[in-house]
Amino acid sequence: MIVALDHIAIAVPDLAAAIQRFADDFGLTYEGTEDVEPAKTTTAFFPVPGTRIELVHPLRGEGAVQGFLDKRGGGLHHVCFRTDDLEADMERLKAKGYRFLSEGPQPGAHGTRVAFIHPRSCDGVLIELAEHPAEGHAHP
């Protein structure tokens, strides 16, 4: 079941400049970065009450975020909802006609398991579902 807004992701062409903007100019707490090899991104984390902002930048100039930046430039990339059972939510939403970008969960930042819903299923918005390790069910 979807239980919360997990994060809002912003694609940025210059990660260092964006980190400085959010930390220095906006005064948000910077919690560091993580390279997410399967997604080919470097992600910077800024917690805000009840959720967080994630700045996503292409790792080695590759991957879907690089394609997004090439096509649209920087901006809102996706909205992520936290789930306590990713497989069940995927099955439920697929039964309602939602299309996912992968057949099953993929590894995400901070040990999460994630799945993205195709933007065509959600009025042009890329939606991510994320299950955190301590919250999810035991899956093989």
C-alpha atoms as a PDB file:
ATOM      1  CA  MET A   1       0.000   0.000   0.000  1.00  0.00           C
ATOM      2  CA  ILE A   2       1.230   3.502  -0.744  1.00  0.00           C
ATOM      3  CA  VAL A   3       1.922   5.125   2.624  1.00  0.00           C
ATOM      4  CA  ALA A   4       3.659   8.489   2.022  1.00  0.00           C
ATOM      5  CA  LEU A   5       5.334  10.895  -0.345  1.00  0.00           C
ATOM      6  CA  ASP A   6       8.922   9.644  -0.317  1.00  0.00           C
ATOM      7  CA  HIS A   7      10.673  12.329  -2.366  1.00  0.00           C
ATOM      8  CA  ILE A   8      10.570  14.744  -5.269  1.00  0.00           C
ATOM      9  CA  ALA A   9      13.407  14.322  -7.767  1.00  0.00           C
ATOM     10  CA  ILE A  10      14.848  17.176  -9.803  1.00  0.00           C
ATOM     11  CA  ALA A  11      17.148  16.474 -12.765  1.00  0.00           C
ATOM     12  CA  VAL A  12      20.118  18.843 -12.746  1.00  0.00           C
ATOM     13  CA  PRO A  13      22.786  19.400 -15.406  1.00  0.00           C
ATOM     14  CA  ASP A  14      25.346  20.745 -12.873  1.00  0.00           C
ATOM     15  CA  LEU A  15      25.186  18.796  -9.626  1.00  0.00           C
ATOM     16  CA  ALA A  16      27.716  20.917  -7.699  1.00  0.00           C
ATOM     17  CA  ALA A  17      25.887  24.154  -8.536  1.00  0.00           C
ATOM     18  CA  ALA A  18      22.523  22.628  -7.623  1.00  0.00           C
ATOM     19  CA  ILE A  19      23.858  21.302  -4.291  1.00  0.00           C
ATOM     20  CA  GLN A  20      25.182  24.774  -3.500  1.00  0.00           C
ATOM     21  CA  ARG A  21      21.821  26.338  -4.395  1.00  0.00           C
ATOM     22  CA  PHE A  22      19.775  24.025  -2.172  1.00  0.00           C
ATOM     23  CA  ALA A  23      22.263  24.044   0.728  1.00  0.00           C
ATOM     24  CA  ASP A  24      23.586  27.609   0.731  1.00  0.00           C
ATOM     25  CA  ASP A  25      20.849  29.635  -0.926  1.00  0.00           C
ATOM     26  CA  PHE A  26      17.788  27.719   0.304  1.00  0.00           C
ATOM     27  CA  GLY A  27      19.337  26.658   3.619  1.00  0.00           C
ATOM     28  CA  LEU A  28      18.398  22.974   3.360  1.00  0.00           C
ATOM     29  CA  THR A  29      20.484  20.301   5.093  1.00  0.00           C
ATOM     30  CA  TYR A  30      22.672  18.424   2.613  1.00  0.00           C
ATOM     31  CA  GLU A  31      22.976  14.723   3.501  1.00  0.00           C
ATOM     32  CA  GLY A  32      25.485  13.743   0.818  1.00  0.00           C
ATOM     33  CA  THR A  33      25.338  11.903  -2.465  1.00  0.00           C
ATOM     34  CA  GLU A  34      25.064   8.319  -3.610  1.00  0.00           C
ATOM     35  CA  ASP A  35      25.902   6.802  -6.980  1.00  0.00           C
ATOM     36  CA  VAL A  36      23.044   4.537  -8.068  1.00  0.00           C
ATOM     37  CA  GLU A  37      24.685   2.353 -10.712  1.00  0.00           C
ATOM     38  CA  PRO A  38      21.513   0.580 -11.969  1.00  0.00           C
ATOM     39  CA  ALA A  39      19.875   3.975 -12.648  1.00  0.00           C
ATOM     40  CA  LYS A  40      23.162   5.513 -13.853  1.00  0.00           C
ATOM     41  CA  THR A  41      22.685   8.493 -11.541  1.00  0.00           C
ATOM     42  CA  THR A  42      24.439  10.383  -8.813  1.00  0.00           C
ATOM     43  CA  THR A  43      21.819  11.526  -6.337  1.00  0.00           C
ATOM     44  CA  ALA A  44      22.109  14.277  -3.707  1.00  0.00           C
ATOM     45  CA  PHE A  45      19.767  14.215  -0.712  1.00  0.00           C
ATOM     46  CA  PHE A  46      18.067  17.088   1.120  1.00  0.00           C
ATOM     47  CA  PRO A  47      15.574  16.118   3.839  1.00  0.00           C
ATOM     48  CA  VAL A  48      12.613  18.415   4.436  1.00  0.00           C
ATOM     49  CA  PRO A  49       9.912  17.695   7.024  1.00  0.00           C
ATOM     50  CA  GLY A  50       7.911  14.659   5.965  1.00  0.00           C
ATOM     51  CA  THR A  51       9.816  14.043   2.712  1.00  0.00           C
ATOM     52  CA  ARG A  52      13.016  14.989   0.878  1.00  0.00           C
ATOM     53  CA  ILE A  53      14.307  16.592  -2.279  1.00  0.00           C
ATOM     54  CA  GLU A  54      16.628  14.493  -4.432  1.00  0.00           C
ATOM     55  CA  LEU A  55      18.819  16.059  -7.081  1.00  0.00           C
ATOM     56  CA  VAL A  56      19.521  13.507  -9.815  1.00  0.00           C
ATOM     57  CA  HIS A  57      22.449  13.853 -12.192  1.00  0.00           C
ATOM     58  CA  PRO A  58      23.630  11.422 -14.878  1.00  0.00           C
ATOM     59  CA  LEU A  59      26.499   9.173 -13.833  1.00  0.00           C
ATOM     60  CA  ARG A  60      29.221   9.303 -16.511  1.00  0.00           C
ATOM     61  CA  GLY A  61      26.834  11.154 -18.867  1.00  0.00           C
ATOM     62  CA  GLU A  62      24.758   8.001 -19.386  1.00  0.00           C
ATOM     63  CA  GLY A  63      21.243   6.777 -18.680  1.00  0.00           C
ATOM     64  CA  ALA A  64      17.692   8.011 -18.639  1.00  0.00           C
ATOM     65  CA  VAL A  65      18.437  11.198 -16.702  1.00  0.00           C
ATOM     66  CA  GLN A  66      20.980  12.202 -19.356  1.00  0.00           C
ATOM     67  CA  GLY A  67      18.300  11.636 -22.006  1.00  0.00           C
ATOM     68  CA  PHE A  68      15.871  13.736 -19.963  1.00  0.00           C
ATOM     69  CA  LEU A  69      18.392  16.582 -19.690  1.00  0.00           C
ATOM     70  CA  ASP A  70      19.245  16.391 -23.401  1.00  0.00           C
ATOM     71  CA  LYS A  71      15.558  16.551 -24.335  1.00  0.00           C
ATOM     72  CA  ARG A  72      14.141  18.947 -21.732  1.00  0.00           C
ATOM     73  CA  GLY A  73      16.952  20.461 -19.700  1.00  0.00           C
ATOM     74  CA  GLY A  74      16.839  20.490 -15.922  1.00  0.00           C
ATOM     75  CA  GLY A  75      13.585  20.324 -14.009  1.00  0.00           C
ATOM     76  CA  LEU A  76      11.148  18.134 -12.137  1.00  0.00           C
ATOM     77  CA  HIS A  77      12.023  14.544 -13.033  1.00  0.00           C
ATOM     78  CA  HIS A  78       9.673  12.426 -10.920  1.00  0.00           C
ATOM     79  CA  VAL A  79       7.549  12.126  -7.805  1.00  0.00           C
ATOM     80  CA  CYS A  80       8.135   9.116  -5.574  1.00  0.00           C
ATOM     81  CA  PHE A  81       5.639   7.461  -3.262  1.00  0.00           C
ATOM     82  CA  ARG A  82       6.716   5.149  -0.441  1.00  0.00           C
ATOM     83  CA  THR A  83       5.089   1.720  -0.377  1.00  0.00           C
ATOM     84  CA  ASP A  84       5.129  -1.013   2.232  1.00  0.00           C
ATOM     85  CA  ASP A  85       4.677  -3.780  -0.393  1.00  0.00           C
ATOM     86  CA  LEU A  86       6.069  -2.948  -3.810  1.00  0.00           C
ATOM     87  CA  GLU A  87       5.042  -6.187  -5.533  1.00  0.00           C
ATOM     88  CA  ALA A  88       1.452  -5.920  -4.317  1.00  0.00           C
ATOM     89  CA  ASP A  89       1.195  -2.305  -5.468  1.00  0.00           C
ATOM     90  CA  MET A  90       2.694  -3.193  -8.847  1.00  0.00           C
ATOM     91  CA  GLU A  91       0.214  -6.056  -9.306  1.00  0.00           C
ATOM     92  CA  ARG A  92      -2.737  -3.906  -8.204  1.00  0.00           C
ATOM     93  CA  LEU A  93      -1.799  -1.034 -10.516  1.00  0.00           C
ATOM     94  CA  LYS A  94      -0.991  -3.302 -13.480  1.00  0.00           C
ATOM     95  CA  ALA A  95      -4.469  -4.813 -13.084  1.00  0.00           C
ATOM     96  CA  LYS A  96      -5.850  -1.277 -13.428  1.00  0.00           C
ATOM     97  CA  GLY A  97      -3.916  -0.787 -16.683  1.00  0.00           C
ATOM     98  CA  TYR A  98      -0.825   1.079 -15.463  1.00  0.00           C
ATOM     99  CA  ARG A  99       2.368   0.437 -17.423  1.00  0.00           C
ATOM    100  CA  PHE A 100       5.682   0.113 -15.612  1.00  0.00           C
ATOM    101  CA  LEU A 101       9.141   0.748 -17.042  1.00  0.00           C
ATOM    102  CA  SER A 102      10.390  -2.603 -15.697  1.00  0.00           C
ATOM    103  CA  GLU A 103       8.783  -5.984 -15.123  1.00  0.00           C
ATOM    104  CA  GLY A 104       9.765  -6.035 -11.471  1.00  0.00           C
ATOM    105  CA  PRO A 105      11.473  -4.048  -8.718  1.00  0.00           C
ATOM    106  CA  GLN A 106      14.923  -2.570  -9.326  1.00  0.00           C
ATOM    107  CA  PRO A 107      17.598  -1.500  -6.803  1.00  0.00           C
ATOM    108  CA  GLY A 108      17.398   2.151  -5.732  1.00  0.00           C
ATOM    109  CA  ALA A 109      19.285   4.510  -3.419  1.00  0.00           C
ATOM    110  CA  HIS A 110      19.625   3.707   0.306  1.00  0.00           C
ATOM    111  CA  GLY A 111      18.919   0.015  -0.290  1.00  0.00           C
ATOM    112  CA  THR A 112      15.410   0.632  -1.576  1.00  0.00           C
ATOM    113  CA  ARG A 113      13.591  -1.432  -4.149  1.00  0.00           C
ATOM    114  CA  VAL A 114      11.890   0.752  -6.751  1.00  0.00           C
ATOM    115  CA  ALA A 115       9.641   0.662  -9.798  1.00  0.00           C
ATOM    116  CA  PHE A 116       8.676   3.473 -12.154  1.00  0.00           C
ATOM    117  CA  ILE A 117       5.238   3.920 -13.677  1.00  0.00           C
ATOM    118  CA  HIS A 118       5.345   5.077 -17.295  1.00  0.00           C
ATOM    119  CA  PRO A 119       4.438   8.783 -17.615  1.00  0.00           C
ATOM    120  CA  ARG A 120       1.744   7.950 -20.187  1.00  0.00           C
ATOM    121  CA  SER A 121      -0.143   6.162 -17.404  1.00  0.00           C
ATOM    122  CA  CYS A 122      -0.080   9.251 -15.152  1.00  0.00           C
ATOM    123  CA  ASP A 123      -0.877  12.319 -17.267  1.00  0.00           C
ATOM    124  CA  GLY A 124       2.748  12.802 -18.290  1.00  0.00           C
ATOM    125  CA  VAL A 125       4.272  12.526 -14.799  1.00  0.00           C
ATOM    126  CA  LEU A 126       6.908   9.889 -14.072  1.00  0.00           C
ATOM    127  CA  ILE A 127       5.916   8.194 -10.792  1.00  0.00           C
ATOM    128  CA  GLU A 128       8.288   6.075  -8.738  1.00  0.00           C
ATOM    129  CA  LEU A 129       7.245   3.612  -6.044  1.00  0.00           C
ATOM    130  CA  ALA A 130       9.907   2.870  -3.401  1.00  0.00           C
ATOM    131  CA  GLU A 131       9.988   0.210  -0.723  1.00  0.00           C
ATOM    132  CA  HIS A 132      12.517   0.802   2.056  1.00  0.00           C
ATOM    133  CA  PRO A 133      14.320  -2.261   3.487  1.00  0.00           C
ATOM    134  CA  ALA A 134      12.941  -2.012   7.037  1.00  0.00           C
ATOM    135  CA  GLU A 135       9.365  -1.461   5.833  1.00  0.00           C
ATOM    136  CA  GLY A 136       8.931  -4.020   3.108  1.00  0.00           C
ATOM    137  CA  HIS A 137       7.981  -7.662   3.261  1.00  0.00           C
ATOM    138  CA  ALA A 138      10.619 -10.346   2.884  1.00  0.00           C
ATOM    139  CA  HIS A 139      11.019 -10.996  -0.836  1.00  0.00           C
ATOM    140  CA  PRO A 140      13.384 -13.431  -2.504  1.00  0.00           C
END
